[in-house]
């Protein structure tokens, strides 16, 4: 007696990209991107007025942290993660304003 014929497995379905979670603040992607971009540009502009040389070691760390936050905001913006981008841009802005007062 012959074994029953084996059916080939079904063809794999193409993977669909994961849906991005949108909050009410980021539902309008172009508006969210503009808002984040403005926050990044503002923080960067303030930070560019800070003279790094005479800063204490603690303030140099804050300066470097602000630069890191700006880079993280840029990266998140490119990935469409507007909520995270806005959050780290705000942190960079806060540090930049503190540093500019010194």
PDB file of N, CA and C in Angstrom:
ATOM      1  N   UNK A   1       0.847  -1.171   0.000  1.00  0.00           N
ATOM      2  CA  UNK A   1       0.000   0.000   0.000  1.00  0.00           C
ATOM      3  C   UNK A   1       0.898   1.242   0.000  1.00  0.00           C
ATOM      4  N   UNK A   2       0.588   2.194  -0.885  1.00  0.00           N
ATOM      5  CA  UNK A   2       1.374   3.417  -0.987  1.00  0.00           C
ATOM      6  C   UNK A   2       0.915   4.423   0.068  1.00  0.00           C
ATOM      7  N   UNK A   3       1.889   5.247   0.597  1.00  0.00           N
ATOM      8  CA  UNK A   3       1.479   6.282   1.566  1.00  0.00           C
ATOM      9  C   UNK A   3       0.684   7.374   0.850  1.00  0.00           C
ATOM     10  N   UNK A   4      -0.198   8.045   1.577  1.00  0.00           N
ATOM     11  CA  UNK A   4      -0.987   9.102   0.940  1.00  0.00           C
ATOM     12  C   UNK A   4      -0.062  10.222   0.464  1.00  0.00           C
ATOM     13  N   UNK A   5      -0.422  10.901  -0.619  1.00  0.00           N
ATOM     14  CA  UNK A   5       0.445  11.973  -1.127  1.00  0.00           C
ATOM     15  C   UNK A   5       0.553  13.117  -0.093  1.00  0.00           C
ATOM     16  N   UNK A   6       1.744  13.652  -0.029  1.00  0.00           N
ATOM     17  CA  UNK A   6       2.006  14.745   0.920  1.00  0.00           C
ATOM     18  C   UNK A   6       1.774  16.064   0.200  1.00  0.00           C
ATOM     19  N   UNK A   7       0.945  16.901   0.809  1.00  0.00           N
ATOM     20  CA  UNK A   7       0.693  18.208   0.210  1.00  0.00           C
ATOM     21  C   UNK A   7       1.810  19.159   0.609  1.00  0.00           C
ATOM     22  N   UNK A   8       2.259  19.982  -0.343  1.00  0.00           N
ATOM     23  CA  UNK A   8       3.311  20.939   0.014  1.00  0.00           C
ATOM     24  C   UNK A   8       2.763  21.978   0.997  1.00  0.00           C
ATOM     25  N   UNK A   9       3.635  22.506   1.854  1.00  0.00           N
ATOM     26  CA  UNK A   9       3.160  23.514   2.809  1.00  0.00           C
ATOM     27  C   UNK A   9       2.710  24.769   2.059  1.00  0.00           C
ATOM     28  N   UNK A  10       1.788  25.521   2.638  1.00  0.00           N
ATOM     29  CA  UNK A  10       1.323  26.731   1.957  1.00  0.00           C
ATOM     30  C   UNK A  10       2.466  27.744   1.833  1.00  0.00           C
ATOM     31  N   UNK A  11       2.403  28.522   0.788  1.00  0.00           N
ATOM     32  CA  UNK A  11       3.427  29.540   0.564  1.00  0.00           C
ATOM     33  C   UNK A  11       3.388  30.551   1.703  1.00  0.00           C
ATOM     34  N   UNK A  12       4.559  30.975   2.157  1.00  0.00           N
ATOM     35  CA  UNK A  12       4.554  31.949   3.258  1.00  0.00           C
ATOM     36  C   UNK A  12       3.979  33.280   2.793  1.00  0.00           C
ATOM     37  N   UNK A  13       3.272  33.894   3.682  1.00  0.00           N
ATOM     38  CA  UNK A  13       2.708  35.208   3.344  1.00  0.00           C
ATOM     39  C   UNK A  13       3.776  36.260   3.618  1.00  0.00           C
ATOM     40  N   UNK A  14       3.828  37.298   2.800  1.00  0.00           N
ATOM     41  CA  UNK A  14       4.845  38.325   3.027  1.00  0.00           C
ATOM     42  C   UNK A  14       4.620  38.996   4.381  1.00  0.00           C
ATOM     43  N   UNK A  15       5.722  39.298   5.029  1.00  0.00           N
ATOM     44  CA  UNK A  15       5.633  39.952   6.344  1.00  0.00           C
ATOM     45  C   UNK A  15       5.133  41.381   6.167  1.00  0.00           C
ATOM     46  N   UNK A  16       4.215  41.735   7.007  1.00  0.00           N
ATOM     47  CA  UNK A  16       3.738  43.119   6.971  1.00  0.00           C
ATOM     48  C   UNK A  16       4.452  43.891   8.060  1.00  0.00           C
ATOM     49  N   UNK A  17       4.837  45.128   7.781  1.00  0.00           N
ATOM     50  CA  UNK A  17       5.520  45.905   8.812  1.00  0.00           C
ATOM     51  C   UNK A  17       4.588  46.148   9.993  1.00  0.00           C
ATOM     52  N   UNK A  18       5.187  46.200  11.158  1.00  0.00           N
ATOM     53  CA  UNK A  18       4.400  46.455  12.359  1.00  0.00           C
ATOM     54  C   UNK A  18       3.809  47.854  12.293  1.00  0.00           C
ATOM     55  N   UNK A  19       2.585  47.965  12.690  1.00  0.00           N
ATOM     56  CA  UNK A  19       1.939  49.275  12.694  1.00  0.00           C
ATOM     57  C   UNK A  19       2.577  50.136  13.773  1.00  0.00           C
ATOM     58  N   UNK A  20       2.785  51.410  13.448  1.00  0.00           N
ATOM     59  CA  UNK A  20       3.358  52.315  14.431  1.00  0.00           C
ATOM     60  C   UNK A  20       2.262  52.832  15.337  1.00  0.00           C
ATOM     61  N   UNK A  21       2.585  52.855  16.601  1.00  0.00           N
ATOM     62  CA  UNK A  21       1.655  53.368  17.582  1.00  0.00           C
ATOM     63  C   UNK A  21       1.625  54.882  17.480  1.00  0.00           C
ATOM     64  N   UNK A  22       0.456  55.435  17.367  1.00  0.00           N
ATOM     65  CA  UNK A  22       0.304  56.882  17.277  1.00  0.00           C
ATOM     66  C   UNK A  22      -0.478  57.368  18.482  1.00  0.00           C
ATOM     67  N   UNK A  23       0.028  58.392  19.090  1.00  0.00           N
ATOM     68  CA  UNK A  23      -0.693  59.030  20.182  1.00  0.00           C
ATOM     69  C   UNK A  23      -1.469  60.194  19.590  1.00  0.00           C
ATOM     70  N   UNK A  24      -2.404  60.762  20.308  1.00  0.00           N
ATOM     71  CA  UNK A  24      -3.123  61.910  19.758  1.00  0.00           C
ATOM     72  C   UNK A  24      -2.184  63.040  19.336  1.00  0.00           C
ATOM     73  N   UNK A  25      -1.053  63.183  20.044  1.00  0.00           N
ATOM     74  CA  UNK A  25      -0.112  64.238  19.691  1.00  0.00           C
ATOM     75  C   UNK A  25       0.630  63.937  18.387  1.00  0.00           C
ATOM     76  N   UNK A  26       0.694  62.669  17.984  1.00  0.00           N
ATOM     77  CA  UNK A  26       1.453  62.312  16.790  1.00  0.00           C
ATOM     78  C   UNK A  26       0.582  61.756  15.667  1.00  0.00           C
ATOM     79  N   UNK A  27      -0.720  61.904  15.763  1.00  0.00           N
ATOM     80  CA  UNK A  27      -1.600  61.391  14.720  1.00  0.00           C
ATOM     81  C   UNK A  27      -1.339  62.112  13.402  1.00  0.00           C
ATOM     82  N   UNK A  28      -1.067  63.406  13.453  1.00  0.00           N
ATOM     83  CA  UNK A  28      -0.725  64.184  12.271  1.00  0.00           C
ATOM     84  C   UNK A  28       0.790  64.151  12.132  1.00  0.00           C
ATOM     85  N   UNK A  29       1.300  63.225  11.302  1.00  0.00           N
ATOM     86  CA  UNK A  29       2.746  63.014  11.238  1.00  0.00           C
ATOM     87  C   UNK A  29       3.508  64.225  10.741  1.00  0.00           C
ATOM     88  N   UNK A  30       2.992  64.930   9.749  1.00  0.00           N
ATOM     89  CA  UNK A  30       3.743  66.076   9.249  1.00  0.00           C
ATOM     90  C   UNK A  30       3.774  67.190  10.288  1.00  0.00           C
ATOM     91  N   UNK A  31       2.677  67.399  10.990  1.00  0.00           N
ATOM     92  CA  UNK A  31       2.654  68.406  12.050  1.00  0.00           C
ATOM     93  C   UNK A  31       3.556  68.017  13.204  1.00  0.00           C
ATOM     94  N   UNK A  32       3.544  66.728  13.566  1.00  0.00           N
ATOM     95  CA  UNK A  32       4.403  66.245  14.652  1.00  0.00           C
ATOM     96  C   UNK A  32       5.872  66.387  14.268  1.00  0.00           C
ATOM     97  N   UNK A  33       6.191  66.064  13.027  1.00  0.00           N
ATOM     98  CA  UNK A  33       7.574  66.185  12.566  1.00  0.00           C
ATOM     99  C   UNK A  33       8.031  67.642  12.601  1.00  0.00           C
ATOM    100  N   UNK A  34       7.171  68.555  12.194  1.00  0.00           N
ATOM    101  CA  UNK A  34       7.527  69.992  12.224  1.00  0.00           C
ATOM    102  C   UNK A  34       7.741  70.466  13.658  1.00  0.00           C
ATOM    103  N   UNK A  35       6.887  70.023  14.565  1.00  0.00           N
ATOM    104  CA  UNK A  35       7.004  70.421  15.968  1.00  0.00           C
ATOM    105  C   UNK A  35       8.320  69.927  16.560  1.00  0.00           C
ATOM    106  N   UNK A  36       8.647  68.665  16.299  1.00  0.00           N
ATOM    107  CA  UNK A  36       9.895  68.094  16.814  1.00  0.00           C
ATOM    108  C   UNK A  36      11.086  68.795  16.174  1.00  0.00           C
ATOM    109  N   UNK A  37      11.026  69.010  14.873  1.00  0.00           N
ATOM    110  CA  UNK A  37      12.130  69.675  14.172  1.00  0.00           C
ATOM    111  C   UNK A  37      12.363  71.069  14.761  1.00  0.00           C
ATOM    112  N   UNK A  38      11.306  71.792  15.047  1.00  0.00           N
ATOM    113  CA  UNK A  38      11.442  73.130  15.634  1.00  0.00           C
ATOM    114  C   UNK A  38      12.095  73.041  17.018  1.00  0.00           C
ATOM    115  N   UNK A  39      11.699  72.054  17.817  1.00  0.00           N
ATOM    116  CA  UNK A  39      12.289  71.892  19.150  1.00  0.00           C
ATOM    117  C   UNK A  39      13.773  71.546  19.051  1.00  0.00           C
ATOM    118  N   UNK A  40      14.120  70.686  18.116  1.00  0.00           N
ATOM    119  CA  UNK A  40      15.531  70.319  17.917  1.00  0.00           C
ATOM    120  C   UNK A  40      16.328  71.543  17.485  1.00  0.00           C
ATOM    121  N   UNK A  41      15.810  72.276  16.519  1.00  0.00           N
ATOM    122  CA  UNK A  41      16.523  73.448  16.001  1.00  0.00           C
ATOM    123  C   UNK A  41      16.699  74.517  17.073  1.00  0.00           C
ATOM    124  N   UNK A  42      15.679  74.716  17.892  1.00  0.00           N
ATOM    125  CA  UNK A  42      15.767  75.702  18.969  1.00  0.00           C
ATOM    126  C   UNK A  42      16.839  75.301  19.977  1.00  0.00           C
ATOM    127  N   UNK A  43      16.798  74.052  20.419  1.00  0.00           N
ATOM    128  CA  UNK A  43      17.788  73.574  21.390  1.00  0.00           C
ATOM    129  C   UNK A  43      19.196  73.654  20.808  1.00  0.00           C
ATOM    130  N   UNK A  44      19.353  73.255  19.552  1.00  0.00           N
ATOM    131  CA  UNK A  44      20.674  73.295  18.919  1.00  0.00           C
ATOM    132  C   UNK A  44      21.176  74.735  18.818  1.00  0.00           C
ATOM    133  N   UNK A  45      20.276  75.654  18.478  1.00  0.00           N
ATOM    134  CA  UNK A  45      20.664  77.062  18.371  1.00  0.00           C
ATOM    135  C   UNK A  45      21.138  77.614  19.703  1.00  0.00           C
ATOM    136  N   UNK A  46      20.439  77.286  20.779  1.00  0.00           N
ATOM    137  CA  UNK A  46      20.845  77.745  22.112  1.00  0.00           C
ATOM    138  C   UNK A  46      22.184  77.110  22.494  1.00  0.00           C
ATOM    139  N   UNK A  47      22.318  75.824  22.244  1.00  0.00           N
ATOM    140  CA  UNK A  47      23.543  75.111  22.610  1.00  0.00           C
ATOM    141  C   UNK A  47      24.752  75.662  21.851  1.00  0.00           C
ATOM    142  N   UNK A  48      24.533  76.098  20.630  1.00  0.00           N
ATOM    143  CA  UNK A  48      25.635  76.644  19.836  1.00  0.00           C
ATOM    144  C   UNK A  48      26.152  77.969  20.378  1.00  0.00           C
ATOM    145  N   UNK A  49      25.403  78.614  21.257  1.00  0.00           N
ATOM    146  CA  UNK A  49      25.879  79.875  21.846  1.00  0.00           C
ATOM    147  C   UNK A  49      26.729  79.633  23.091  1.00  0.00           C
ATOM    148  N   UNK A  50      26.771  78.391  23.570  1.00  0.00           N
ATOM    149  CA  UNK A  50      27.502  78.062  24.791  1.00  0.00           C
ATOM    150  C   UNK A  50      28.977  77.844  24.464  1.00  0.00           C
ATOM    151  N   UNK A  51      29.857  78.520  25.217  1.00  0.00           N
ATOM    152  CA  UNK A  51      31.305  78.334  25.071  1.00  0.00           C
ATOM    153  C   UNK A  51      31.714  77.128  25.916  1.00  0.00           C
ATOM    154  N   UNK A  52      32.069  76.060  25.264  1.00  0.00           N
ATOM    155  CA  UNK A  52      32.365  74.793  25.938  1.00  0.00           C
ATOM    156  C   UNK A  52      33.625  74.870  26.798  1.00  0.00           C
ATOM    157  N   UNK A  53      34.642  75.568  26.330  1.00  0.00           N
ATOM    158  CA  UNK A  53      35.960  75.602  26.977  1.00  0.00           C
ATOM    159  C   UNK A  53      35.953  75.906  28.460  1.00  0.00           C
ATOM    160  N   UNK A  54      35.366  77.012  28.892  1.00  0.00           N
ATOM    161  CA  UNK A  54      35.452  77.360  30.316  1.00  0.00           C
ATOM    162  C   UNK A  54      34.458  76.621  31.225  1.00  0.00           C
ATOM    163  N   UNK A  55      33.652  75.737  30.690  1.00  0.00           N
ATOM    164  CA  UNK A  55      32.679  75.023  31.522  1.00  0.00           C
ATOM    165  C   UNK A  55      33.386  74.089  32.497  1.00  0.00           C
ATOM    166  N   UNK A  56      32.790  73.926  33.682  1.00  0.00           N
ATOM    167  CA  UNK A  56      33.292  72.940  34.639  1.00  0.00           C
ATOM    168  C   UNK A  56      33.029  71.545  34.070  1.00  0.00           C
ATOM    169  N   UNK A  57      33.638  70.555  34.702  1.00  0.00           N
ATOM    170  CA  UNK A  57      33.437  69.177  34.229  1.00  0.00           C
ATOM    171  C   UNK A  57      31.970  68.769  34.278  1.00  0.00           C
ATOM    172  N   UNK A  58      31.257  69.179  35.331  1.00  0.00           N
ATOM    173  CA  UNK A  58      29.831  68.854  35.433  1.00  0.00           C
ATOM    174  C   UNK A  58      29.036  69.506  34.306  1.00  0.00           C
ATOM    175  N   UNK A  59      29.369  70.753  34.003  1.00  0.00           N
ATOM    176  CA  UNK A  59      28.642  71.446  32.933  1.00  0.00           C
ATOM    177  C   UNK A  59      29.031  70.906  31.561  1.00  0.00           C
ATOM    178  N   UNK A  60      30.266  70.456  31.414  1.00  0.00           N
ATOM    179  CA  UNK A  60      30.666  69.819  30.149  1.00  0.00           C
ATOM    180  C   UNK A  60      29.874  68.532  29.938  1.00  0.00           C
ATOM    181  N   UNK A  61      29.650  67.796  31.043  1.00  0.00           N
ATOM    182  CA  UNK A  61      28.829  66.581  30.941  1.00  0.00           C
ATOM    183  C   UNK A  61      27.407  66.935  30.517  1.00  0.00           C
ATOM    184  N   UNK A  62      26.855  67.997  31.102  1.00  0.00           N
ATOM    185  CA  UNK A  62      25.503  68.430  30.732  1.00  0.00           C
ATOM    186  C   UNK A  62      25.460  68.830  29.256  1.00  0.00           C
ATOM    187  N   UNK A  63      26.496  69.520  28.788  1.00  0.00           N
ATOM    188  CA  UNK A  63      26.591  69.931  27.382  1.00  0.00           C
ATOM    189  C   UNK A  63      26.601  68.687  26.484  1.00  0.00           C
ATOM    190  N   UNK A  64      27.442  67.720  26.836  1.00  0.00           N
ATOM    191  CA  UNK A  64      27.530  66.491  26.039  1.00  0.00           C
ATOM    192  C   UNK A  64      26.226  65.696  26.089  1.00  0.00           C
ATOM    193  N   UNK A  65      25.568  65.708  27.238  1.00  0.00           N
ATOM    194  CA  UNK A  65      24.266  65.045  27.343  1.00  0.00           C
ATOM    195  C   UNK A  65      23.247  65.715  26.410  1.00  0.00           C
ATOM    196  N   UNK A  66      23.266  67.041  26.376  1.00  0.00           N
ATOM    197  CA  UNK A  66      22.342  67.766  25.497  1.00  0.00           C
ATOM    198  C   UNK A  66      22.600  67.401  24.037  1.00  0.00           C
ATOM    199  N   UNK A  67      23.870  67.312  23.659  1.00  0.00           N
ATOM    200  CA  UNK A  67      24.212  66.910  22.287  1.00  0.00           C
ATOM    201  C   UNK A  67      23.707  65.495  21.995  1.00  0.00           C
ATOM    202  N   UNK A  68      23.869  64.612  22.972  1.00  0.00           N
ATOM    203  CA  UNK A  68      23.386  63.236  22.811  1.00  0.00           C
ATOM    204  C   UNK A  68      21.867  63.214  22.657  1.00  0.00           C
ATOM    205  N   UNK A  69      21.166  63.989  23.478  1.00  0.00           N
ATOM    206  CA  UNK A  69      19.709  64.062  23.367  1.00  0.00           C
ATOM    207  C   UNK A  69      19.288  64.559  21.986  1.00  0.00           C
ATOM    208  N   UNK A  70      20.015  65.537  21.466  1.00  0.00           N
ATOM    209  CA  UNK A  70      19.691  66.049  20.127  1.00  0.00           C
ATOM    210  C   UNK A  70      19.870  64.953  19.075  1.00  0.00           C
ATOM    211  N   UNK A  71      20.939  64.174  19.195  1.00  0.00           N
ATOM    212  CA  UNK A  71      21.168  63.090  18.237  1.00  0.00           C
ATOM    213  C   UNK A  71      20.081  62.033  18.356  1.00  0.00           C
ATOM    214  N   UNK A  72      19.690  61.722  19.592  1.00  0.00           N
ATOM    215  CA  UNK A  72      18.614  60.740  19.797  1.00  0.00           C
ATOM    216  C   UNK A  72      17.302  61.264  19.215  1.00  0.00           C
ATOM    217  N   UNK A  73      17.055  62.547  19.362  1.00  0.00           N
ATOM    218  CA  UNK A  73      15.836  63.140  18.804  1.00  0.00           C
ATOM    219  C   UNK A  73      15.852  63.055  17.280  1.00  0.00           C
ATOM    220  N   UNK A  74      17.007  63.347  16.688  1.00  0.00           N
ATOM    221  CA  UNK A  74      17.141  63.248  15.222  1.00  0.00           C
ATOM    222  C   UNK A  74      16.870  61.818  14.752  1.00  0.00           C
ATOM    223  N   UNK A  75      17.473  60.856  15.444  1.00  0.00           N
ATOM    224  CA  UNK A  75      17.302  59.450  15.068  1.00  0.00           C
ATOM    225  C   UNK A  75      15.842  59.015  15.214  1.00  0.00           C
ATOM    226  N   UNK A  76      15.222  59.404  16.315  1.00  0.00           N
ATOM    227  CA  UNK A  76      13.820  59.038  16.543  1.00  0.00           C
ATOM    228  C   UNK A  76      12.916  59.694  15.508  1.00  0.00           C
ATOM    229  N   UNK A  77      13.237  60.916  15.145  1.00  0.00           N
ATOM    230  CA  UNK A  77      12.453  61.625  14.124  1.00  0.00           C
ATOM    231  C   UNK A  77      12.520  60.883  12.795  1.00  0.00           C
ATOM    232  N   UNK A  78      13.705  60.430  12.424  1.00  0.00           N
ATOM    233  CA  UNK A  78      13.876  59.675  11.171  1.00  0.00           C
ATOM    234  C   UNK A  78      13.085  58.376  11.187  1.00  0.00           C
ATOM    235  N   UNK A  79      12.937  57.783  12.382  1.00  0.00           N
ATOM    236  CA  UNK A  79      12.216  56.522  12.510  1.00  0.00           C
ATOM    237  C   UNK A  79      10.718  56.726  12.700  1.00  0.00           C
ATOM    238  N   UNK A  80      10.290  57.978  12.796  1.00  0.00           N
ATOM    239  CA  UNK A  80       8.870  58.255  12.968  1.00  0.00           C
ATOM    240  C   UNK A  80       8.391  58.126  14.398  1.00  0.00           C
ATOM    241  N   UNK A  81       9.314  58.052  15.344  1.00  0.00           N
ATOM    242  CA  UNK A  81       8.955  57.940  16.755  1.00  0.00           C
ATOM    243  C   UNK A  81       8.877  59.351  17.336  1.00  0.00           C
ATOM    244  N   UNK A  82       7.788  60.042  17.028  1.00  0.00           N
ATOM    245  CA  UNK A  82       7.665  61.466  17.344  1.00  0.00           C
ATOM    246  C   UNK A  82       7.557  61.740  18.833  1.00  0.00           C
ATOM    247  N   UNK A  83       6.891  60.866  19.570  1.00  0.00           N
ATOM    248  CA  UNK A  83       6.740  61.092  21.011  1.00  0.00           C
ATOM    249  C   UNK A  83       8.096  61.039  21.707  1.00  0.00           C
ATOM    250  N   UNK A  84       8.906  60.043  21.379  1.00  0.00           N
ATOM    251  CA  UNK A  84      10.237  59.940  21.976  1.00  0.00           C
ATOM    252  C   UNK A  84      11.110  61.103  21.522  1.00  0.00           C
ATOM    253  N   UNK A  85      11.049  61.423  20.235  1.00  0.00           N
ATOM    254  CA  UNK A  85      11.848  62.526  19.703  1.00  0.00           C
ATOM    255  C   UNK A  85      11.521  63.830  20.415  1.00  0.00           C
ATOM    256  N   UNK A  86      10.240  64.076  20.636  1.00  0.00           N
ATOM    257  CA  UNK A  86       9.825  65.302  21.325  1.00  0.00           C
ATOM    258  C   UNK A  86      10.348  65.314  22.753  1.00  0.00           C
ATOM    259  N   UNK A  87      10.297  64.170  23.415  1.00  0.00           N
ATOM    260  CA  UNK A  87      10.758  64.082  24.803  1.00  0.00           C
ATOM    261  C   UNK A  87      12.237  64.381  24.952  1.00  0.00           C
ATOM    262  N   UNK A  88      13.059  63.773  24.106  1.00  0.00           N
ATOM    263  CA  UNK A  88      14.504  64.010  24.235  1.00  0.00           C
ATOM    264  C   UNK A  88      14.892  65.389  23.715  1.00  0.00           C
ATOM    265  N   UNK A  89      14.143  65.914  22.740  1.00  0.00           N
ATOM    266  CA  UNK A  89      14.403  67.285  22.285  1.00  0.00           C
ATOM    267  C   UNK A  89      14.110  68.277  23.408  1.00  0.00           C
ATOM    268  N   UNK A  90      13.065  67.998  24.175  1.00  0.00           N
ATOM    269  CA  UNK A  90      12.732  68.863  25.314  1.00  0.00           C
ATOM    270  C   UNK A  90      13.821  68.805  26.375  1.00  0.00           C
ATOM    271  N   UNK A  91      14.370  67.609  26.628  1.00  0.00           N
ATOM    272  CA  UNK A  91      15.471  67.483  27.583  1.00  0.00           C
ATOM    273  C   UNK A  91      16.683  68.276  27.109  1.00  0.00           C
ATOM    274  N   UNK A  92      16.989  68.180  25.809  1.00  0.00           N
ATOM    275  CA  UNK A  92      18.121  68.928  25.256  1.00  0.00           C
ATOM    276  C   UNK A  92      17.885  70.423  25.400  1.00  0.00           C
ATOM    277  N   UNK A  93      16.661  70.858  25.154  1.00  0.00           N
ATOM    278  CA  UNK A  93      16.316  72.273  25.268  1.00  0.00           C
ATOM    279  C   UNK A  93      16.485  72.763  26.707  1.00  0.00           C
ATOM    280  N   UNK A  94      16.044  71.974  27.662  1.00  0.00           N
ATOM    281  CA  UNK A  94      16.168  72.344  29.078  1.00  0.00           C
ATOM    282  C   UNK A  94      17.638  72.488  29.470  1.00  0.00           C
ATOM    283  N   UNK A  95      18.467  71.517  29.076  1.00  0.00           N
ATOM    284  CA  UNK A  95      19.892  71.595  29.384  1.00  0.00           C
ATOM    285  C   UNK A  95      20.548  72.781  28.687  1.00  0.00           C
ATOM    286  N   UNK A  96      20.201  72.997  27.432  1.00  0.00           N
ATOM    287  CA  UNK A  96      20.795  74.105  26.676  1.00  0.00           C
ATOM    288  C   UNK A  96      20.465  75.443  27.330  1.00  0.00           C
ATOM    289  N   UNK A  97      19.232  75.618  27.767  1.00  0.00           N
ATOM    290  CA  UNK A  97      18.836  76.874  28.432  1.00  0.00           C
ATOM    291  C   UNK A  97      19.604  77.057  29.738  1.00  0.00           C
ATOM    292  N   UNK A  98      19.761  75.978  30.500  1.00  0.00           N
ATOM    293  CA  UNK A  98      20.549  76.057  31.740  1.00  0.00           C
ATOM    294  C   UNK A  98      21.986  76.442  31.453  1.00  0.00           C
ATOM    295  N   UNK A  99      22.576  75.829  30.452  1.00  0.00           N
ATOM    296  CA  UNK A  99      23.968  76.120  30.104  1.00  0.00           C
ATOM    297  C   UNK A  99      24.142  77.539  29.579  1.00  0.00           C
ATOM    298  N   UNK A 100      23.154  78.037  28.857  1.00  0.00           N
ATOM    299  CA  UNK A 100      23.253  79.383  28.281  1.00  0.00           C
ATOM    300  C   UNK A 100      23.224  80.448  29.374  1.00  0.00           C
ATOM    301  N   UNK A 101      22.646  80.132  30.525  1.00  0.00           N
ATOM    302  CA  UNK A 101      22.567  81.097  31.633  1.00  0.00           C
ATOM    303  C   UNK A 101      23.903  81.218  32.367  1.00  0.00           C
ATOM    304  N   UNK A 102      24.819  80.349  32.126  1.00  0.00           N
ATOM    305  CA  UNK A 102      26.095  80.330  32.874  1.00  0.00           C
ATOM    306  C   UNK A 102      27.116  81.216  32.226  1.00  0.00           C
TER     307      UNK A 102
END
